[in-house]
Amino acid sequence: MHTHLIDITKEKRFLGSLGQRLTLGGGVAGIVGLAVSFGLASTSEDGIHRLWWSYLHNWTFFLTIALGALFFVLVEHLAKAGWSVVLRRLSEGVSMTLVLLAILFVPLIFGLHDLYHWLHADLVAQDHVLQHKASYLNQTFFLVRVAVYFLFWIGAAFLMHRNSVKQDQSGDHLLTGKMEALSAPFMMIFALTTTFASFDLLMSLDPHWFSTIFGVYFFAGSFMSFLAFLSVIIVGLQRSGRLTGAITDQHLHDVGKFLFAMLVFWAYIAFSQYLLIWYGNLPEETGWYLRRQTGTWSSLGIVMIFGHFLIPFLFLLSRHIKRRPLLLSLGALWLLVMHWLDLYWLIMPEYDHALTAIPFSLLDLSCLVGIGGFFIAAWAWFLRRCSLIAEKDPRLAESLTFENA
């Protein structure tokens, strides 16, 4: 272990003017991005219908990052981890963006009929499968479930963040015990809500298809994307002169190891789901994969194999890369792009089953800029008045002197 304890009072540990720039710049990007999106959608007859698909895709992309952050905060408290204390406040800020994402879900309510076939009464009347699922797949119950998910997610993120910031002022170590006690039941509820949210938001886009492993697939992508996002945040803050001493290459190494592990886990779950469904050879299950192996969709599938697994696997295998901030951030950015494409591969083939070509649109990028801008602004806004480090956590000294084996 390091014998020298870093004096965090000499660290630049507040966002300050950077937070103001991120909030303002992100807010402007958000407004412009979504304004352009609705402007583009109004130029064609099918524009609004196409807009909701791009909006869902990009909203889900940032939702997965926020959910991954909430999981990280909960699991670190649950494990009583010491190494990650200097990273936790940054993670809490990302988890608090769930408030924004709940607000940004509201416009989607107006596009539900464009997204979900089971909301069309005429289609349900002709489909015995949809009739059988009608007690679960109906608009009222769907919205109630989504509201319950967000109430829990936001409540858990708020309690963890509030108690953490409160400890900065009071130094009360009992708050750590309180957060640890809450993390156990919260983790169980998180698993249930995240799994059912993946079923409701994504799997029900094709109400005839089902996969019992889909919730795990969704979780794997969520945690991996958050770890990638965290890597980028850390490097960005350090390049601005913040947290240069508190967060070391030792911490980056562990974040990189987590990122590498979740990359492998995602690939394992993706392959397992494919193997079991293809081996079962049931039409109601294999049809989902057949659509994704037709036309140019098959090319995107190959990109996923190499770009989402083989290339980053080989890149992140080296400990030297995980200890180099620039290299780790480049690998993390690559995986964020791959995760965005993975969600595109999950969602967009349901836009029109007759299409065999990838229906790429400028709406996909304008919605990314719009929702992404608000996401960055929200993260900076929630951390605007607090330290970027949990300053009086009882395990802070352990984190500051952390060293990998």
Protein backbone atom coordinates (compact mmCIF):
# COMPACT_ATOMS: atom_id res chain seq x y z
CA MET A 1 0.00 0.00 0.00
CA HIS A 2 1.05 3.62 -0.52
CA THR A 3 2.45 5.22 2.64
CA HIS A 4 1.70 8.74 1.45
CA LEU A 5 -1.87 9.88 2.02
CA ILE A 6 -3.04 12.49 -0.47
CA ASP A 7 -4.36 15.73 1.04
CA ILE A 8 -7.67 16.18 -0.77
CA THR A 9 -8.01 19.76 0.49
CA LYS A 10 -5.29 20.63 -2.02
CA GLU A 11 -7.21 18.93 -4.82
CA LYS A 12 -9.37 20.76 -7.31
CA ARG A 13 -12.49 18.80 -6.38
CA PHE A 14 -15.42 21.00 -7.41
CA LEU A 15 -16.80 21.45 -10.90
CA GLY A 16 -16.95 25.23 -10.53
CA SER A 17 -16.85 27.04 -13.86
CA LEU A 18 -16.59 23.73 -15.74
CA GLY A 19 -19.94 22.72 -14.28
CA GLN A 20 -21.50 25.97 -15.49
CA ARG A 21 -20.13 25.44 -18.99
CA LEU A 22 -21.31 21.84 -19.09
CA THR A 23 -24.77 22.79 -17.84
CA LEU A 24 -25.14 25.66 -20.29
CA GLY A 25 -23.52 23.89 -23.24
CA GLY A 26 -25.40 20.66 -22.61
CA GLY A 27 -28.69 22.52 -22.26
CA VAL A 28 -28.14 24.38 -25.53
CA ALA A 29 -27.14 21.15 -27.30
CA GLY A 30 -30.24 19.47 -25.89
CA ILE A 31 -32.60 22.19 -27.07
CA VAL A 32 -31.00 22.46 -30.51
CA GLY A 33 -30.78 18.67 -30.96
CA LEU A 34 -34.42 18.01 -30.13
CA ALA A 35 -35.59 21.09 -32.06
CA VAL A 36 -33.72 19.82 -35.14
CA SER A 37 -35.21 16.37 -34.57
CA PHE A 38 -38.79 17.62 -34.56
CA GLY A 39 -37.98 19.90 -37.48
CA LEU A 40 -36.63 17.00 -39.53
CA ALA A 41 -39.63 14.87 -38.56
CA SER A 42 -42.04 17.48 -39.88
CA THR A 43 -40.52 17.41 -43.37
CA SER A 44 -41.90 14.01 -44.38
CA GLU A 45 -45.14 12.11 -44.08
CA ASP A 46 -43.52 9.30 -42.08
CA GLY A 47 -41.26 11.68 -40.15
CA ILE A 48 -43.05 11.75 -36.80
CA HIS A 49 -43.41 7.97 -36.82
CA ARG A 50 -39.67 7.60 -37.51
CA LEU A 51 -38.85 10.21 -34.86
CA TRP A 52 -40.29 8.12 -32.03
CA TRP A 53 -38.05 5.19 -32.92
CA SER A 54 -34.92 7.34 -32.89
CA TYR A 55 -36.07 8.99 -29.68
CA LEU A 56 -36.68 5.63 -27.96
CA HIS A 57 -33.30 4.33 -29.11
CA ASN A 58 -31.31 7.28 -27.80
CA TRP A 59 -33.38 7.69 -24.64
CA THR A 60 -32.75 4.01 -23.84
CA PHE A 61 -29.02 4.47 -24.52
CA PHE A 62 -28.72 7.08 -21.77
CA LEU A 63 -31.13 5.21 -19.52
CA THR A 64 -28.79 2.21 -19.56
CA ILE A 65 -25.84 4.40 -18.50
CA ALA A 66 -27.83 5.87 -15.61
CA LEU A 67 -29.04 2.44 -14.47
CA GLY A 68 -25.48 1.12 -14.62
CA ALA A 69 -24.42 4.00 -12.36
CA LEU A 70 -27.16 3.22 -9.83
CA PHE A 71 -26.07 -0.43 -9.79
CA PHE A 72 -22.44 0.60 -9.22
CA VAL A 73 -23.37 2.81 -6.25
CA LEU A 74 -25.51 0.06 -4.71
CA VAL A 75 -23.03 -2.76 -5.22
CA GLU A 76 -20.13 -0.75 -3.81
CA HIS A 77 -22.12 -0.05 -0.63
CA LEU A 78 -23.29 -3.65 -0.49
CA ALA A 79 -19.72 -4.94 -0.74
CA LYS A 80 -18.41 -2.25 1.64
CA ALA A 81 -15.82 -1.49 -1.01
CA GLY A 82 -13.04 0.88 -0.07
CA TRP A 83 -11.16 1.26 -3.36
CA SER A 84 -14.05 3.00 -5.14
CA VAL A 85 -14.89 5.74 -2.61
CA VAL A 86 -13.16 8.40 -4.72
CA LEU A 87 -15.30 7.35 -7.71
CA ARG A 88 -18.65 7.12 -5.97
CA ARG A 89 -19.69 10.78 -6.08
CA LEU A 90 -19.19 10.88 -9.84
CA SER A 91 -21.33 7.74 -10.09
CA GLU A 92 -24.03 9.24 -7.87
CA GLY A 93 -24.23 12.21 -10.22
CA VAL A 94 -24.79 9.91 -13.19
CA SER A 95 -27.48 7.96 -11.31
CA MET A 96 -29.30 11.21 -10.48
CA THR A 97 -29.85 11.83 -14.20
CA LEU A 98 -32.69 9.31 -13.85
CA VAL A 99 -34.74 12.36 -12.83
CA LEU A 100 -34.12 13.90 -16.25
CA LEU A 101 -34.79 10.62 -18.05
CA ALA A 102 -38.15 10.33 -16.30
CA ILE A 103 -39.04 13.78 -17.63
CA LEU A 104 -37.80 12.90 -21.11
CA PHE A 105 -40.02 9.80 -21.09
CA VAL A 106 -43.12 12.04 -21.14
CA PRO A 107 -42.83 12.87 -24.88
CA LEU A 108 -42.61 9.14 -25.59
CA ILE A 109 -46.13 8.72 -24.24
CA PHE A 110 -47.39 10.48 -27.38
CA GLY A 111 -45.46 8.01 -29.54
CA LEU A 112 -46.45 4.75 -27.86
CA HIS A 113 -48.92 3.83 -30.62
CA ASP A 114 -46.13 4.29 -33.19
CA LEU A 115 -43.84 1.96 -31.25
CA TYR A 116 -45.92 -0.82 -29.77
CA HIS A 117 -48.20 -2.98 -31.95
CA TRP A 118 -50.09 -4.29 -28.94
CA LEU A 119 -51.68 -0.85 -28.50
CA HIS A 120 -53.59 -1.20 -31.80
CA ALA A 121 -57.03 -2.59 -31.06
CA ASP A 122 -57.54 -3.81 -34.64
CA LEU A 123 -54.33 -5.87 -34.53
CA VAL A 124 -55.14 -7.28 -31.10
CA ALA A 125 -58.59 -8.35 -32.34
CA GLN A 126 -56.94 -10.49 -35.05
CA ASP A 127 -54.12 -11.94 -32.93
CA HIS A 128 -54.82 -14.53 -30.24
CA VAL A 129 -51.31 -14.09 -28.77
CA LEU A 130 -51.89 -10.37 -28.19
CA GLN A 131 -55.31 -11.11 -26.78
CA HIS A 132 -53.76 -13.55 -24.32
CA LYS A 133 -51.22 -10.90 -23.23
CA ALA A 134 -53.69 -8.00 -23.14
CA SER A 135 -54.02 -8.04 -19.34
CA TYR A 136 -50.31 -7.17 -19.13
CA LEU A 137 -49.68 -5.37 -22.41
CA ASN A 138 -52.07 -2.46 -22.23
CA GLN A 139 -51.33 1.26 -22.05
CA THR A 140 -52.61 1.93 -18.54
CA PHE A 141 -50.71 -0.90 -16.88
CA PHE A 142 -47.63 -0.15 -19.00
CA LEU A 143 -47.52 3.47 -17.81
CA VAL A 144 -48.15 2.42 -14.21
CA ARG A 145 -45.22 0.01 -14.38
CA VAL A 146 -42.90 2.61 -15.90
CA ALA A 147 -43.91 5.08 -13.18
CA VAL A 148 -43.14 2.49 -10.48
CA TYR A 149 -39.74 1.77 -12.04
CA PHE A 150 -38.75 5.42 -12.05
CA LEU A 151 -40.12 6.11 -8.58
CA PHE A 152 -37.87 3.39 -7.20
CA TRP A 153 -34.83 4.26 -9.33
CA ILE A 154 -35.02 7.97 -8.52
CA GLY A 155 -35.79 7.31 -4.87
CA ALA A 156 -32.80 4.97 -4.49
CA ALA A 157 -30.45 7.34 -6.32
CA PHE A 158 -31.70 10.32 -4.29
CA LEU A 159 -31.30 8.61 -0.90
CA MET A 160 -27.79 7.43 -1.67
CA HIS A 161 -26.69 10.81 -3.02
CA ARG A 162 -28.36 12.83 -0.24
CA ASN A 163 -26.84 10.75 2.55
CA SER A 164 -23.43 10.85 0.88
CA VAL A 165 -23.48 14.65 0.54
CA LYS A 166 -24.88 15.00 4.06
CA GLN A 167 -21.91 13.04 5.37
CA ASP A 168 -19.58 15.60 3.80
CA GLN A 169 -20.92 18.19 6.25
CA SER A 170 -21.61 16.10 9.34
CA GLY A 171 -18.92 13.43 9.13
CA ASP A 172 -21.44 11.02 10.65
CA HIS A 173 -20.19 7.49 10.01
CA LEU A 174 -23.64 6.11 10.82
CA LEU A 175 -24.75 7.38 7.41
CA THR A 176 -22.40 4.85 5.81
CA GLY A 177 -24.09 2.07 7.78
CA LYS A 178 -27.48 3.40 6.71
CA MET A 179 -26.51 3.35 3.03
CA GLU A 180 -25.08 -0.15 3.37
CA ALA A 181 -28.29 -1.38 5.03
CA LEU A 182 -30.43 0.15 2.27
CA SER A 183 -28.27 -1.27 -0.52
CA ALA A 184 -29.31 -4.90 0.10
CA PRO A 185 -33.10 -4.51 -0.41
CA PHE A 186 -32.51 -1.85 -3.06
CA MET A 187 -30.34 -4.28 -5.02
CA MET A 188 -33.08 -6.92 -5.10
CA ILE A 189 -35.69 -4.39 -6.22
CA PHE A 190 -33.24 -3.00 -8.78
CA ALA A 191 -32.84 -6.45 -10.32
CA LEU A 192 -36.60 -6.90 -10.63
CA THR A 193 -37.38 -3.41 -11.95
CA THR A 194 -34.54 -3.38 -14.47
CA THR A 195 -35.49 -6.80 -15.79
CA PHE A 196 -39.16 -5.93 -16.23
CA ALA A 197 -38.27 -2.53 -17.69
CA SER A 198 -36.23 -4.28 -20.38
CA PHE A 199 -39.22 -6.50 -21.14
CA ASP A 200 -41.64 -3.58 -21.30
CA LEU A 201 -39.54 -1.02 -23.16
CA LEU A 202 -37.64 -3.21 -25.63
CA MET A 203 -38.74 -6.82 -25.75
CA SER A 204 -42.41 -5.90 -26.18
CA LEU A 205 -41.56 -4.08 -29.42
CA ASP A 206 -42.10 -7.57 -30.82
CA PRO A 207 -44.84 -8.91 -28.51
CA HIS A 208 -44.61 -12.39 -30.03
CA TRP A 209 -40.96 -12.82 -29.11
CA PHE A 210 -39.63 -13.63 -25.68
CA SER A 211 -36.34 -14.45 -24.02
CA THR A 212 -35.91 -15.22 -20.34
CA ILE A 213 -32.29 -14.04 -20.54
CA PHE A 214 -33.08 -10.66 -22.11
CA GLY A 215 -33.09 -8.83 -18.76
CA VAL A 216 -29.55 -10.04 -18.05
CA TYR A 217 -28.48 -8.95 -21.55
CA PHE A 218 -29.94 -5.50 -20.89
CA PHE A 219 -28.19 -5.29 -17.50
CA ALA A 220 -24.84 -6.35 -18.96
CA GLY A 221 -25.01 -3.58 -21.55
CA SER A 222 -26.10 -1.07 -18.89
CA PHE A 223 -23.24 -1.71 -16.48
CA MET A 224 -20.67 -1.93 -19.27
CA SER A 225 -21.81 1.36 -20.79
CA PHE A 226 -21.68 3.10 -17.42
CA LEU A 227 -18.14 1.90 -16.76
CA ALA A 228 -17.15 3.22 -20.18
CA PHE A 229 -18.86 6.54 -19.45
CA LEU A 230 -17.16 6.72 -16.02
CA SER A 231 -13.77 6.19 -17.65
CA VAL A 232 -14.41 9.11 -20.01
CA ILE A 233 -15.61 11.33 -17.15
CA ILE A 234 -12.51 10.61 -15.06
CA VAL A 235 -10.10 11.34 -17.88
CA GLY A 236 -12.01 14.46 -18.87
CA LEU A 237 -11.98 15.83 -15.31
CA GLN A 238 -8.30 15.10 -14.86
CA ARG A 239 -7.45 16.86 -18.11
CA SER A 240 -9.27 19.89 -16.67
CA GLY A 241 -7.04 19.73 -13.57
CA ARG A 242 -9.58 18.09 -11.25
CA LEU A 243 -9.01 14.99 -9.08
CA THR A 244 -5.51 14.56 -10.47
CA GLY A 245 -4.17 13.15 -7.19
CA ALA A 246 -7.19 11.42 -5.65
CA ILE A 247 -7.92 9.22 -8.66
CA THR A 248 -4.79 7.37 -9.70
CA ASP A 249 -3.86 4.88 -12.38
CA GLN A 250 -4.64 2.24 -9.72
CA HIS A 251 -8.29 3.25 -9.73
CA LEU A 252 -8.35 3.46 -13.52
CA HIS A 253 -6.87 -0.03 -13.65
CA ASP A 254 -9.75 -1.39 -11.56
CA VAL A 255 -12.36 0.47 -13.63
CA GLY A 256 -10.70 -1.00 -16.71
CA LYS A 257 -10.83 -4.49 -15.20
CA PHE A 258 -14.54 -4.09 -14.46
CA LEU A 259 -15.07 -2.82 -18.01
CA PHE A 260 -13.19 -5.79 -19.45
CA ALA A 261 -15.16 -8.23 -17.27
CA MET A 262 -18.53 -6.77 -18.31
CA LEU A 263 -17.48 -6.83 -21.96
CA VAL A 264 -16.85 -10.57 -21.65
CA PHE A 265 -20.06 -11.06 -19.65
CA TRP A 266 -22.10 -9.20 -22.29
CA ALA A 267 -20.62 -11.39 -25.04
CA TYR A 268 -21.32 -14.54 -23.03
CA ILE A 269 -24.97 -13.60 -22.46
CA ALA A 270 -25.44 -12.50 -26.09
CA PHE A 271 -24.02 -15.78 -27.39
CA SER A 272 -25.97 -17.86 -24.85
CA GLN A 273 -29.25 -16.22 -25.86
CA TYR A 274 -28.53 -16.78 -29.55
CA LEU A 275 -27.39 -20.39 -29.07
CA LEU A 276 -30.37 -21.45 -26.96
CA ILE A 277 -32.95 -19.84 -29.24
CA TRP A 278 -31.34 -21.08 -32.45
CA TYR A 279 -30.90 -24.58 -31.07
CA GLY A 280 -34.53 -24.66 -29.88
CA ASN A 281 -35.58 -23.77 -33.46
CA LEU A 282 -39.02 -22.46 -32.46
CA PRO A 283 -40.53 -20.10 -35.07
CA GLU A 284 -41.82 -17.58 -32.50
CA GLU A 285 -38.26 -17.20 -31.17
CA THR A 286 -36.03 -17.60 -34.23
CA GLY A 287 -38.01 -15.06 -36.27
CA TRP A 288 -36.52 -12.27 -34.15
CA TYR A 289 -33.01 -13.33 -35.14
CA LEU A 290 -33.95 -13.98 -38.76
CA ARG A 291 -34.92 -10.33 -39.19
CA ARG A 292 -31.49 -9.37 -37.87
CA GLN A 293 -29.74 -11.71 -40.29
CA THR A 294 -31.47 -10.35 -43.38
CA GLY A 295 -30.06 -7.72 -45.74
CA THR A 296 -27.69 -5.16 -44.27
CA TRP A 297 -28.77 -6.08 -40.74
CA SER A 298 -26.45 -9.09 -41.01
CA SER A 299 -23.54 -6.71 -41.61
CA LEU A 300 -24.35 -4.88 -38.39
CA GLY A 301 -24.42 -8.24 -36.63
CA ILE A 302 -20.89 -8.94 -37.84
CA VAL A 303 -19.83 -5.48 -36.65
CA MET A 304 -21.16 -6.43 -33.21
CA ILE A 305 -19.10 -9.62 -33.12
CA PHE A 306 -15.85 -7.87 -33.97
CA GLY A 307 -16.47 -4.32 -32.74
CA HIS A 308 -18.35 -5.10 -29.55
CA PHE A 309 -16.24 -8.05 -28.47
CA LEU A 310 -13.12 -9.23 -30.32
CA ILE A 311 -11.44 -5.86 -30.92
CA PRO A 312 -12.10 -4.32 -27.46
CA PHE A 313 -11.31 -7.70 -25.83
CA LEU A 314 -7.84 -7.69 -27.32
CA PHE A 315 -7.40 -3.96 -26.66
CA LEU A 316 -8.37 -4.07 -22.97
CA LEU A 317 -6.54 -7.30 -22.24
CA SER A 318 -3.32 -5.48 -21.41
CA ARG A 319 -2.90 -4.00 -17.91
CA HIS A 320 -0.75 -1.25 -19.43
CA ILE A 321 -3.67 0.07 -21.50
CA LYS A 322 -5.97 0.05 -18.47
CA ARG A 323 -3.42 2.22 -16.62
CA ARG A 324 -3.08 4.77 -19.44
CA PRO A 325 -5.88 7.36 -19.16
CA LEU A 326 -5.89 8.32 -22.84
CA LEU A 327 -5.85 4.73 -24.10
CA LEU A 328 -8.51 3.61 -21.62
CA SER A 329 -10.76 6.52 -22.57
CA LEU A 330 -10.37 5.70 -26.26
CA GLY A 331 -11.40 2.09 -25.59
CA ALA A 332 -14.30 3.34 -23.47
CA LEU A 333 -15.52 5.70 -26.21
CA TRP A 334 -15.33 2.83 -28.70
CA LEU A 335 -17.49 0.66 -26.43
CA LEU A 336 -20.04 3.47 -25.99
CA VAL A 337 -20.38 3.63 -29.77
CA MET A 338 -20.74 -0.15 -29.92
CA HIS A 339 -23.37 -0.08 -27.18
CA TRP A 340 -25.30 2.56 -29.14
CA LEU A 341 -25.16 0.31 -32.21
CA ASP A 342 -26.16 -2.71 -30.13
CA LEU A 343 -29.32 -0.94 -28.98
CA TYR A 344 -29.94 0.12 -32.58
CA TRP A 345 -29.69 -3.56 -33.57
CA LEU A 346 -32.16 -4.46 -30.81
CA ILE A 347 -34.72 -1.76 -31.55
CA MET A 348 -34.71 -0.62 -35.16
CA PRO A 349 -35.48 -3.91 -36.98
CA GLU A 350 -38.95 -3.65 -35.41
CA TYR A 351 -39.51 -0.27 -37.11
CA ASP A 352 -40.59 -2.01 -40.33
CA HIS A 353 -40.38 -5.77 -40.78
CA ALA A 354 -40.49 -5.34 -44.55
CA LEU A 355 -37.20 -3.42 -44.60
CA THR A 356 -34.04 -5.43 -45.15
CA ALA A 357 -31.76 -2.39 -45.16
CA ILE A 358 -30.71 -0.46 -42.07
CA PRO A 359 -33.09 2.55 -41.93
CA PHE A 360 -30.47 5.06 -40.80
CA SER A 361 -31.70 8.63 -40.49
CA LEU A 362 -30.27 11.97 -39.39
CA LEU A 363 -32.90 11.74 -36.64
CA ASP A 364 -30.73 9.07 -35.02
CA LEU A 365 -27.91 11.58 -34.59
CA SER A 366 -30.00 14.65 -33.76
CA CYS A 367 -31.82 12.75 -31.00
CA LEU A 368 -28.44 11.55 -29.71
CA VAL A 369 -27.20 15.14 -29.51
CA GLY A 370 -30.45 16.38 -27.98
CA ILE A 371 -30.88 13.79 -25.25
CA GLY A 372 -27.12 13.53 -24.70
CA GLY A 373 -26.83 17.28 -24.22
CA PHE A 374 -29.51 17.30 -21.55
CA PHE A 375 -27.91 14.23 -19.94
CA ILE A 376 -24.51 15.95 -19.56
CA ALA A 377 -26.17 19.14 -18.34
CA ALA A 378 -28.16 17.22 -15.71
CA TRP A 379 -25.04 15.40 -14.47
CA ALA A 380 -23.19 18.70 -14.02
CA TRP A 381 -26.23 20.36 -12.42
CA PHE A 382 -26.67 17.66 -9.77
CA LEU A 383 -22.98 17.92 -8.80
CA ARG A 384 -22.77 21.71 -9.00
CA ARG A 385 -22.72 22.37 -5.23
CA CYS A 386 -20.93 19.35 -3.82
CA SER A 387 -17.44 17.94 -3.81
CA LEU A 388 -16.58 15.42 -6.48
CA ILE A 389 -15.27 13.18 -3.69
CA ALA A 390 -17.14 11.70 -0.71
CA GLU A 391 -14.88 13.67 1.62
CA LYS A 392 -15.78 12.18 5.01
CA ASP A 393 -16.52 8.59 4.08
CA PRO A 394 -14.85 6.36 6.70
CA ARG A 395 -13.12 4.38 3.95
CA LEU A 396 -11.74 7.40 2.09
CA ALA A 397 -8.21 6.84 3.39
CA GLU A 398 -8.31 3.27 2.09
CA SER A 399 -9.40 4.55 -1.30
CA LEU A 400 -6.73 7.26 -1.43
CA THR A 401 -3.99 4.72 -0.68
CA PHE A 402 -5.42 1.98 -2.86
CA GLU A 403 -2.96 -0.09 -4.84
CA ASN A 404 -3.58 -3.02 -7.18
CA ALA A 405 -1.78 -6.26 -6.56
